[in-house]
N, C-alpha and C. Protein backbone atom coordinates (compact mmCIF):
# COMPACT_ATOMS: atom_id res chain seq x y z
N LEU A 1 226.01 52.83 227.76
CA LEU A 1 226.84 53.79 227.28
C LEU A 1 228.31 52.95 228.17
N GLU A 2 229.31 52.65 227.16
CA GLU A 2 230.75 52.52 227.97
C GLU A 2 231.64 53.17 229.02
N VAL A 3 231.26 54.72 227.88
CA VAL A 3 232.15 55.19 228.47
C VAL A 3 231.65 55.45 230.47
N GLU A 4 230.97 54.72 230.78
CA GLU A 4 230.49 54.51 232.33
C GLU A 4 231.74 54.08 232.75
N LEU A 5 232.74 53.29 232.47
CA LEU A 5 233.29 52.22 232.82
C LEU A 5 235.16 52.59 232.65
N LEU A 6 235.18 53.78 231.86
CA LEU A 6 236.22 54.19 231.57
C LEU A 6 237.32 55.54 233.11
N LEU A 7 238.06 55.08 232.88
CA LEU A 7 238.97 55.64 234.48
C LEU A 7 238.46 57.72 234.15
N LEU A 8 238.08 58.16 233.79
CA LEU A 8 237.91 59.71 233.01
C LEU A 8 238.36 60.99 234.43
N GLN A 9 239.31 61.69 233.70
CA GLN A 9 239.85 63.01 234.10
C GLN A 9 239.41 64.00 233.82
N PRO A 10 239.39 65.31 234.85
CA PRO A 10 239.04 66.29 235.00
C PRO A 10 239.40 67.03 232.76
N THR A 11 238.59 67.46 232.44
CA THR A 11 238.60 67.97 231.30
C THR A 11 238.60 67.49 229.98
N ASP A 12 238.14 65.91 230.20
CA ASP A 12 238.26 65.15 229.29
C ASP A 12 237.24 65.14 228.39
N VAL A 13 237.05 65.18 227.04
CA VAL A 13 235.84 65.63 226.02
C VAL A 13 235.24 64.03 226.20
N ILE A 14 234.45 63.37 225.73
CA ILE A 14 233.39 62.86 225.62
C ILE A 14 232.47 62.78 224.21
N ILE A 15 232.79 61.84 223.31
CA ILE A 15 232.20 62.64 222.07
C ILE A 15 231.21 60.41 221.69
N ILE A 16 230.00 61.48 221.64
CA ILE A 16 228.84 60.32 221.84
C ILE A 16 228.11 60.50 220.26
N HIS A 17 228.18 59.35 219.57
CA HIS A 17 227.73 59.29 218.27
C HIS A 17 226.51 58.75 218.24
N ASN A 18 225.69 59.13 216.65
CA ASN A 18 224.44 58.72 216.92
C ASN A 18 224.08 57.65 217.05
N GLY A 19 223.12 57.13 217.76
CA GLY A 19 222.42 55.82 218.13
C GLY A 19 221.51 55.37 219.64
N THR A 20 221.62 54.30 219.80
CA THR A 20 220.40 54.73 220.70
C THR A 20 221.55 54.03 221.93
N TYR A 21 221.21 54.11 223.01
CA TYR A 21 222.46 53.37 224.25
C TYR A 21 221.97 53.12 225.90
N LEU A 22 221.67 52.05 226.42
CA LEU A 22 221.48 52.08 227.52
C LEU A 22 221.99 52.57 228.40
N ALA A 23 222.34 53.55 229.78
CA ALA A 23 222.69 53.90 231.01
C ALA A 23 222.21 54.45 231.81
N HIS A 24 222.90 54.35 233.01
CA HIS A 24 222.65 54.88 234.14
C HIS A 24 223.89 55.50 235.20
N TRP A 25 224.40 56.82 234.36
CA TRP A 25 225.94 56.71 234.56
C TRP A 25 225.64 58.54 235.45
N THR A 26 226.61 58.33 236.73
CA THR A 26 226.64 59.32 237.95
C THR A 26 227.71 60.00 237.24
N ILE A 27 227.71 61.06 237.30
CA ILE A 27 228.85 61.68 236.88
C ILE A 27 229.45 62.15 237.93
N SER A 28 230.56 62.09 238.28
CA SER A 28 231.67 62.42 239.50
C SER A 28 232.53 63.17 239.27
N VAL A 29 233.18 63.18 238.08
CA VAL A 29 234.64 63.64 237.87
C VAL A 29 234.30 65.00 237.43
N ASN A 30 235.19 65.93 238.04
CA ASN A 30 234.64 67.39 237.67
C ASN A 30 235.24 67.81 236.06
N GLY A 31 234.44 69.00 235.72
CA GLY A 31 235.26 69.41 234.72
C GLY A 31 235.01 68.59 232.87
N LEU A 32 234.00 67.38 232.91
CA LEU A 32 233.53 66.49 231.64
C LEU A 32 233.15 67.61 230.73
N THR A 33 233.29 66.89 229.65
CA THR A 33 232.12 67.64 228.69
C THR A 33 231.91 66.62 228.37
N ILE A 34 230.71 66.71 227.40
CA ILE A 34 229.93 65.44 226.84
C ILE A 34 228.90 66.08 226.25
N ILE A 35 229.33 65.52 224.84
CA ILE A 35 228.74 66.12 223.61
C ILE A 35 228.14 65.21 222.26
N GLY A 36 227.06 65.09 222.02
CA GLY A 36 226.45 64.25 221.67
C GLY A 36 226.55 64.85 220.06
N ASP A 37 226.61 64.19 218.94
CA ASP A 37 226.20 64.05 217.09
C ASP A 37 225.21 65.63 216.88
N ALA A 38 224.07 64.62 217.72
CA ALA A 38 223.12 65.35 217.54
C ALA A 38 221.42 64.98 218.48
N ARG A 39 220.94 66.23 218.67
CA ARG A 39 219.85 66.26 220.16
C ARG A 39 218.73 64.76 219.36
N GLU A 40 218.78 65.08 217.81
CA GLU A 40 217.93 64.06 217.12
C GLU A 40 218.50 62.65 216.57
N GLY A 41 219.79 62.58 216.94
CA GLY A 41 220.46 61.13 216.82
C GLY A 41 221.27 60.77 217.89
N VAL A 42 220.96 61.22 218.98
CA VAL A 42 221.67 60.57 220.14
C VAL A 42 220.51 60.36 221.11
N PHE A 43 220.47 59.01 221.51
CA PHE A 43 218.95 58.73 222.37
C PHE A 43 219.93 57.92 223.47
N ILE A 44 219.50 58.63 224.73
CA ILE A 44 220.01 57.96 226.25
C ILE A 44 219.31 57.15 226.76
N ASN A 45 218.75 55.48 227.01
CA ASN A 45 217.39 55.30 227.87
C ASN A 45 218.51 54.82 229.34
N SER A 46 217.70 55.13 230.16
CA SER A 46 217.43 54.57 231.74
C SER A 46 217.58 53.79 231.68
N THR A 47 218.75 52.37 231.90
CA THR A 47 218.54 51.18 232.48
C THR A 47 217.85 50.35 233.75
N ALA A 48 216.48 49.57 233.64
CA ALA A 48 215.93 49.14 234.25
C ALA A 48 216.55 48.20 235.50
N PRO A 49 216.49 48.28 236.52
CA PRO A 49 215.45 49.17 237.08
C PRO A 49 215.53 50.63 237.24
N LEU A 50 216.73 51.07 237.35
CA LEU A 50 217.37 51.92 237.56
C LEU A 50 216.32 53.19 236.62
N THR A 51 216.31 54.64 237.22
CA THR A 51 215.28 55.27 237.23
C THR A 51 215.79 56.24 235.93
N VAL A 52 217.47 56.86 236.02
CA VAL A 52 217.50 58.18 235.48
C VAL A 52 218.71 57.96 234.59
N PRO A 53 218.81 58.38 233.32
CA PRO A 53 220.09 58.30 232.38
C PRO A 53 221.17 58.60 233.21
N ILE A 54 221.56 59.90 233.19
CA ILE A 54 222.40 60.43 233.71
C ILE A 54 221.97 61.27 235.11
N VAL A 55 222.80 61.17 235.86
CA VAL A 55 222.96 62.06 237.34
C VAL A 55 224.51 62.74 237.31
N VAL A 56 223.81 63.74 237.84
CA VAL A 56 225.06 65.18 237.61
C VAL A 56 225.45 65.21 238.49
N ASN A 57 227.11 65.26 239.62
CA ASN A 57 226.89 65.38 240.53
C ASN A 57 228.75 65.61 241.13
N ALA A 58 229.01 66.57 239.77
CA ALA A 58 230.02 67.04 239.78
C ALA A 58 230.08 68.50 239.13
N TRP A 59 231.44 69.55 239.64
CA TRP A 59 231.38 70.52 238.77
C TRP A 59 231.60 70.84 237.70
N ASP A 60 231.45 72.08 237.04
CA ASP A 60 232.58 72.06 235.56
C ASP A 60 231.67 70.76 234.23
N THR A 61 230.34 70.56 234.78
CA THR A 61 229.88 69.83 233.32
C THR A 61 229.27 70.19 232.53
N ASN A 62 229.00 69.77 230.76
CA ASN A 62 228.72 70.24 229.96
C ASN A 62 227.86 68.52 229.20
N ILE A 63 226.68 69.35 229.09
CA ILE A 63 225.88 68.34 228.43
C ILE A 63 225.69 68.95 227.49
N THR A 64 226.02 68.50 225.99
CA THR A 64 225.40 69.04 224.76
C THR A 64 224.57 67.78 223.98
N ASN A 65 223.84 68.02 223.20
CA ASN A 65 223.03 67.04 221.79
C ASN A 65 222.50 65.88 222.22
N ALA A 66 221.68 65.69 222.88
CA ALA A 66 221.19 64.15 223.37
C ALA A 66 220.05 64.10 224.05
N THR A 67 218.92 63.10 223.47
CA THR A 67 217.94 63.07 223.75
C THR A 67 218.02 61.80 224.96
N LEU A 68 217.49 62.44 226.01
CA LEU A 68 217.66 61.23 227.43
C LEU A 68 216.06 60.87 228.04
N TYR A 69 215.23 59.53 227.92
CA TYR A 69 214.89 58.91 228.13
C TYR A 69 214.89 58.10 229.44
N GLY A 70 213.90 58.62 230.33
CA GLY A 70 214.00 57.99 231.70
C GLY A 70 213.10 57.50 232.63
N ALA A 71 213.45 56.33 233.32
CA ALA A 71 211.93 55.89 233.34
C ALA A 71 211.23 56.88 234.61
N SER A 72 212.15 57.52 235.18
CA SER A 72 211.61 58.37 237.12
C SER A 72 211.42 59.93 235.80
N ASN A 73 213.23 60.60 236.75
CA ASN A 73 213.39 62.14 236.11
C ASN A 73 214.16 61.58 234.46
N GLY A 74 214.28 62.68 233.91
CA GLY A 74 214.33 62.29 232.52
C GLY A 74 216.15 62.62 233.12
N LEU A 75 217.01 63.49 233.81
CA LEU A 75 218.07 64.08 234.08
C LEU A 75 218.08 64.75 235.45
N GLN A 76 218.69 64.44 236.58
CA GLN A 76 218.85 64.91 236.92
C GLN A 76 219.87 65.50 237.82
N VAL A 77 220.32 66.66 238.22
CA VAL A 77 221.60 67.52 238.81
C VAL A 77 221.34 67.73 239.94
N ASN A 78 222.31 67.03 240.84
CA ASN A 78 222.39 67.23 242.22
C ASN A 78 222.77 68.65 242.99
N GLY A 79 222.13 69.07 244.19
CA GLY A 79 222.63 69.85 244.73
C GLY A 79 224.72 70.62 244.57
N ALA A 80 225.10 69.31 244.31
CA ALA A 80 226.60 69.18 244.51
C ALA A 80 227.47 70.57 243.83
N ALA A 81 226.07 69.34 242.41
CA ALA A 81 226.62 70.08 241.49
C ALA A 81 227.28 71.22 241.41
N ASN A 82 228.16 72.14 240.67
CA ASN A 82 228.23 73.78 240.54
C ASN A 82 228.70 74.07 239.14
N ARG A 83 228.11 75.38 238.26
CA ARG A 83 228.58 75.57 237.29
C ARG A 83 228.48 74.09 236.16
N THR A 84 226.99 74.15 236.12
CA THR A 84 226.85 72.99 235.10
C THR A 84 226.08 73.65 234.17
N ALA A 85 226.28 73.36 232.42
CA ALA A 85 225.98 73.57 231.47
C ALA A 85 225.16 72.47 230.64
N LEU A 86 223.69 72.72 230.53
CA LEU A 86 223.13 71.96 229.78
C LEU A 86 222.89 72.48 228.25
N ALA A 87 223.17 71.94 227.03
CA ALA A 87 222.70 72.42 225.92
C ALA A 87 221.73 71.67 225.10
N ASN A 88 220.93 72.11 224.19
CA ASN A 88 219.94 71.06 222.98
C ASN A 88 220.20 69.82 223.64
N LEU A 89 219.09 69.93 224.60
CA LEU A 89 218.77 68.50 225.06
C LEU A 89 217.30 68.07 225.20
N THR A 90 216.84 67.37 224.93
CA THR A 90 215.61 66.84 224.78
C THR A 90 215.21 65.56 226.06
N LEU A 91 214.20 65.79 226.88
CA LEU A 91 214.03 65.07 228.00
C LEU A 91 212.64 64.27 227.64
N ILE A 92 212.56 63.04 227.91
CA ILE A 92 211.29 62.71 227.35
C ILE A 92 210.62 61.22 228.46
N GLY A 93 209.66 61.53 228.52
CA GLY A 93 208.75 59.91 229.21
C GLY A 93 209.30 59.90 230.51
N ALA A 94 210.15 60.29 231.30
CA ALA A 94 210.33 60.56 232.70
C ALA A 94 208.53 60.34 233.44
N THR A 95 208.77 59.88 234.47
CA THR A 95 207.20 59.43 235.29
C THR A 95 207.01 60.58 236.38
N THR A 96 208.13 60.95 236.74
CA THR A 96 207.93 62.40 237.53
C THR A 96 208.54 63.77 237.11
N TRP A 97 209.69 63.94 236.85
CA TRP A 97 210.50 65.29 236.48
C TRP A 97 210.57 64.64 234.96
N GLY A 98 210.83 65.93 234.73
CA GLY A 98 211.72 65.80 233.20
C GLY A 98 213.19 66.04 233.63
N CYS A 99 213.44 67.69 233.83
CA CYS A 99 214.83 68.05 234.37
C CYS A 99 214.20 67.99 236.08
N ASP A 100 214.89 67.28 237.01
CA ASP A 100 215.32 67.45 238.56
C ASP A 100 216.49 68.39 238.69
N CYS A 101 216.53 69.39 238.45
CA CYS A 101 218.31 70.29 238.16
C CYS A 101 218.07 70.90 238.91
N HIS A 102 219.28 70.69 239.67
CA HIS A 102 219.67 71.69 241.36
C HIS A 102 221.40 71.86 240.58
N GLY A 103 221.84 72.57 241.85
CA GLY A 103 223.43 72.95 241.65
C GLY A 103 223.46 74.76 241.62
N ALA A 104 223.99 74.92 242.20
CA ALA A 104 224.58 76.58 241.63
C ALA A 104 225.28 76.31 240.40
N ASN A 105 224.97 77.88 240.37
CA ASN A 105 225.04 78.26 238.59
C ASN A 105 225.02 77.15 237.31
N LEU A 106 223.61 76.95 237.01
CA LEU A 106 223.00 75.54 236.43
C LEU A 106 223.08 77.09 234.85
N ARG A 107 223.45 76.39 233.69
CA ARG A 107 223.28 77.06 232.42
C ARG A 107 221.89 76.55 231.99
N ILE A 108 220.67 76.53 231.17
CA ILE A 108 220.55 75.57 230.19
C ILE A 108 219.89 76.38 229.07
N LEU A 109 220.26 76.31 227.83
CA LEU A 109 219.89 76.45 226.73
C LEU A 109 219.31 75.55 225.47
N ASN A 110 218.26 76.15 225.33
CA ASN A 110 217.97 75.43 224.20
C ASN A 110 217.56 73.80 224.46
N MET A 111 216.59 73.36 225.94
CA MET A 111 216.06 72.34 226.28
C MET A 111 214.54 72.16 226.32
N LYS A 112 214.30 70.68 225.52
CA LYS A 112 212.83 70.84 225.45
C LYS A 112 212.46 69.60 226.73
N VAL A 113 211.09 69.75 227.86
CA VAL A 113 210.82 68.68 228.27
C VAL A 113 209.87 68.25 228.04
N MET A 114 209.32 66.60 227.68
CA MET A 114 208.42 66.21 226.99
C MET A 114 207.61 65.47 227.38
N ARG A 115 205.97 64.76 227.23
CA ARG A 115 205.64 64.22 227.40
C ARG A 115 206.24 63.63 229.14
N THR A 116 205.97 64.70 230.34
CA THR A 116 206.03 63.98 231.41
C THR A 116 205.35 64.49 232.21
N PRO A 117 204.73 64.18 233.45
CA PRO A 117 203.58 64.56 234.51
C PRO A 117 203.89 65.95 235.19
N ASN A 118 205.15 66.00 235.02
CA ASN A 118 206.17 67.44 235.37
C ASN A 118 207.15 67.93 235.24
N GLY A 119 206.85 69.20 234.88
CA GLY A 119 208.51 69.60 233.52
C GLY A 119 209.68 69.74 234.37
N PHE A 120 209.70 71.17 234.44
CA PHE A 120 211.30 71.38 234.79
C PHE A 120 211.45 72.02 236.49
N TYR A 121 212.34 71.47 237.39
CA TYR A 121 212.17 71.31 238.81
C TYR A 121 213.89 71.96 239.15
N SER A 122 213.99 73.28 240.09
CA SER A 122 214.82 73.73 240.05
C SER A 122 215.14 74.35 241.10
N GLN A 123 216.35 74.09 241.88
CA GLN A 123 216.06 74.87 243.67
C GLN A 123 217.58 75.41 243.15
N SER A 124 218.38 76.00 241.88
CA SER A 124 219.42 76.70 242.01
C SER A 124 219.73 78.06 242.26
N LEU A 125 221.11 78.08 242.92
CA LEU A 125 221.02 79.93 242.58
C LEU A 125 222.12 80.02 241.83
N GLY A 126 221.59 81.24 241.14
CA GLY A 126 222.23 81.25 240.09
C GLY A 126 221.82 80.85 238.23
N LEU A 127 220.59 80.17 238.33
CA LEU A 127 219.74 79.89 237.60
C LEU A 127 219.46 80.41 236.26
N ASP A 128 220.19 79.85 234.96
CA ASP A 128 220.39 80.53 233.80
C ASP A 128 219.59 80.17 232.69
N ILE A 129 218.63 80.31 232.21
CA ILE A 129 217.52 79.90 231.45
C ILE A 129 218.08 80.44 229.81
N ASP A 130 217.86 80.01 229.02
CA ASP A 130 217.51 80.41 227.79
C ASP A 130 217.03 79.86 226.44
N GLY A 131 215.86 79.29 226.42
CA GLY A 131 215.19 78.43 225.54
C GLY A 131 215.14 77.43 226.68
N LEU A 132 213.94 77.15 226.89
CA LEU A 132 212.97 76.28 227.69
C LEU A 132 211.33 75.74 226.91
N GLU A 133 211.70 74.65 226.50
CA GLU A 133 209.83 74.04 226.20
C GLU A 133 209.36 73.14 227.35
N VAL A 134 208.64 73.21 227.58
CA VAL A 134 208.22 71.81 228.75
C VAL A 134 206.46 71.76 228.20
N ASN A 135 206.55 70.64 227.93
CA ASN A 135 205.15 69.99 227.57
C ASN A 135 204.46 68.68 228.12
N VAL A 136 203.94 69.07 229.64
CA VAL A 136 203.52 68.03 230.31
C VAL A 136 202.25 67.36 229.97
N THR A 137 202.23 66.29 230.17
CA THR A 137 201.38 65.26 229.90
C THR A 137 199.79 65.65 231.13
N ALA A 138 199.90 65.89 232.33
CA ALA A 138 199.22 65.98 233.61
C ALA A 138 199.97 65.77 234.40
N GLY A 139 200.28 66.89 235.20
CA GLY A 139 200.48 66.57 236.84
C GLY A 139 200.63 68.21 237.03
N SER A 140 201.04 68.06 238.21
CA SER A 140 201.17 69.23 239.51
C SER A 140 201.50 70.86 238.54
N TYR A 141 203.09 70.31 238.17
CA TYR A 141 203.40 71.82 237.57
C TYR A 141 204.25 71.33 236.38
N LYS A 142 204.70 72.47 235.81
CA LYS A 142 205.17 72.91 234.28
C LYS A 142 206.89 73.24 234.66
N VAL A 143 206.91 74.16 235.51
CA VAL A 143 207.64 74.86 236.07
C VAL A 143 208.08 75.24 237.27
N VAL A 144 209.13 74.59 237.99
CA VAL A 144 209.23 75.05 239.56
C VAL A 144 210.46 75.53 239.80
N LEU A 145 210.49 76.61 239.94
CA LEU A 145 212.29 77.25 240.42
C LEU A 145 211.75 78.01 242.46
N GLN A 146 212.65 77.67 243.31
CA GLN A 146 213.11 77.29 244.31
C GLN A 146 214.24 77.97 244.61
N GLY A 147 215.27 79.28 243.69
CA GLY A 147 216.35 79.75 244.41
C GLY A 147 216.19 81.32 244.06
N ASP A 148 217.42 81.59 244.34
CA ASP A 148 217.54 83.00 244.03
C ASP A 148 218.68 83.21 242.77
N ASP A 149 218.28 84.59 242.57
CA ASP A 149 219.19 85.08 241.63
C ASP A 149 219.14 83.78 239.64
N VAL A 150 217.73 84.03 239.99
CA VAL A 150 217.30 83.47 238.19
C VAL A 150 217.29 84.72 237.38
N ARG A 151 217.20 84.50 235.88
CA ARG A 151 216.87 84.74 235.02
C ARG A 151 216.60 83.65 233.32
N MET A 152 215.27 83.65 233.30
CA MET A 152 214.56 83.31 232.50
C MET A 152 214.48 83.26 231.26
N VAL A 153 214.70 83.28 230.18
CA VAL A 153 214.01 83.03 228.79
C VAL A 153 213.76 83.03 227.87
N ASN A 154 213.00 83.49 227.24
CA ASN A 154 212.11 82.13 226.21
C ASN A 154 211.84 81.34 226.22
N VAL A 155 210.55 81.18 227.34
CA VAL A 155 210.43 80.56 227.93
C VAL A 155 208.58 79.86 227.15
N THR A 156 207.97 78.14 227.22
CA THR A 156 207.33 77.94 226.75
C THR A 156 206.44 76.90 227.55
N ALA A 157 205.83 77.30 228.22
CA ALA A 157 205.05 75.92 229.42
C ALA A 157 203.58 74.86 229.33
N TRP A 158 203.04 74.13 228.44
CA TRP A 158 202.13 73.79 228.09
C TRP A 158 202.21 72.52 228.09
N GLY A 159 200.86 71.95 227.81
CA GLY A 159 200.13 70.59 227.74
C GLY A 159 199.47 70.80 228.37
N GLY A 160 198.75 69.54 228.99
CA GLY A 160 197.79 69.09 229.65
C GLY A 160 198.05 69.79 231.14
N SER A 161 196.56 69.57 231.54
CA SER A 161 196.50 70.11 232.91
C SER A 161 197.20 70.57 234.04
N SER A 162 197.83 71.18 234.85
CA SER A 162 198.26 71.12 235.91
C SER A 162 197.60 72.43 236.69
N GLY A 163 198.49 71.69 237.91
CA GLY A 163 198.06 72.80 238.96
C GLY A 163 199.11 74.21 238.68
N MET A 164 199.40 74.31 238.19
CA MET A 164 200.28 75.82 237.92
C MET A 164 201.47 75.98 237.18
N ILE A 165 201.28 76.61 236.55
CA ILE A 165 202.41 76.65 235.44
C ILE A 165 203.91 76.89 235.39
N LEU A 166 203.82 78.01 236.48
CA LEU A 166 205.15 78.49 237.20
C LEU A 166 204.87 78.60 238.45
N TYR A 167 205.94 78.36 238.95
CA TYR A 167 205.64 78.45 240.70
C TYR A 167 206.98 78.71 240.95
N TYR A 168 207.46 79.83 242.12
CA TYR A 168 208.26 80.46 242.55
C TYR A 168 208.38 80.97 243.94
N ALA A 169 209.95 80.39 244.50
CA ALA A 169 209.82 80.73 246.02
C ALA A 169 211.08 80.97 246.06
N GLY A 170 211.66 81.77 246.05
CA GLY A 170 212.62 82.80 246.57
C GLY A 170 212.90 82.90 247.69
N GLY A 171 214.29 83.38 248.19
CA GLY A 171 214.76 83.79 248.82
C GLY A 171 214.29 85.28 249.51
N PRO A 172 214.47 85.90 250.55
CA PRO A 172 214.88 87.40 250.78
C PRO A 172 216.14 87.81 249.84
N GLY A 173 215.64 88.96 249.64
CA GLY A 173 216.48 89.79 248.39
C GLY A 173 217.03 89.30 246.96
N THR A 174 216.12 88.06 246.70
CA THR A 174 215.82 87.45 245.51
C THR A 174 216.07 88.48 244.34
N ASN A 175 217.06 88.20 243.07
CA ASN A 175 216.57 88.63 241.78
C ASN A 175 216.18 87.28 241.02
N ILE A 176 214.94 88.19 240.17
CA ILE A 176 214.35 87.13 239.13
C ILE A 176 214.36 88.35 238.03
N THR A 177 214.45 87.01 237.00
CA THR A 177 214.45 88.04 235.46
C THR A 177 213.59 87.49 234.83
N VAL A 178 212.37 87.81 234.36
CA VAL A 178 211.45 86.21 233.45
C VAL A 178 211.28 87.25 232.04
N ARG A 179 211.65 87.05 231.40
CA ARG A 179 211.73 87.56 229.89
C ARG A 179 210.87 86.97 228.89
N ASN A 180 209.72 87.02 228.21
CA ASN A 180 209.46 85.64 227.02
C ASN A 180 208.28 84.55 227.20
N PHE A 181 208.05 84.50 227.96
CA PHE A 181 207.31 83.26 228.97
C PHE A 181 205.87 83.21 228.47
N ALA A 182 205.57 82.50 227.60
CA ALA A 182 204.52 82.25 227.38
C ALA A 182 203.73 80.38 228.47
N GLY A 183 202.57 80.08 228.94
CA GLY A 183 202.20 78.98 229.25
C GLY A 183 200.45 79.51 229.23
N GLU A 184 200.22 77.64 229.29
CA GLU A 184 199.08 77.61 229.31
C GLU A 184 198.54 76.29 229.96
N ASN A 185 197.00 76.17 230.00
CA ASN A 185 196.39 74.88 230.99
C ASN A 185 196.75 74.29 232.19
N ALA A 186 196.45 75.67 232.95
CA ALA A 186 196.76 75.29 234.80
C ALA A 186 195.28 75.55 235.32
N THR A 187 194.76 74.59 236.50
CA THR A 187 193.58 74.70 236.54
C THR A 187 193.50 75.29 237.74
């Protein structure tokens, strides 16, 4: 993506038109909004030998409508990020985690994690998921949550055999809400 080379400012909105792009973009400017034309039309592939197409290190980042192909993780949101919103994303073909998504107050809406050994991993305080579909090939985990104040609704986790469908490890005083969760094929 050529946008990686631009001098971006907080509150900039980046529109990505349908097409296939190569990227290893570390987002470090707070307040960016990235909007693709369509989830099924915007394909962002990682550039070899780099492993993740998009890494989020900023606050108030919004990413909508794209399919990300990673050589390692499909998408990475680091612990320094806060108030990240991810909507209508598909993460495909990663060799480790489809979504390695941390940071406080992370919001997920209609995310698909497909054909990865391990699915969705988050150590987020204040994680809010509404619509997560995880289809792993065969790995250790489908969904791993290691944070407090988690709300997770409308989640399916399936695919190849894995050690666990859902692994949760919260701290003392943890609040967790899980509704409409379906999983299969854990050994």
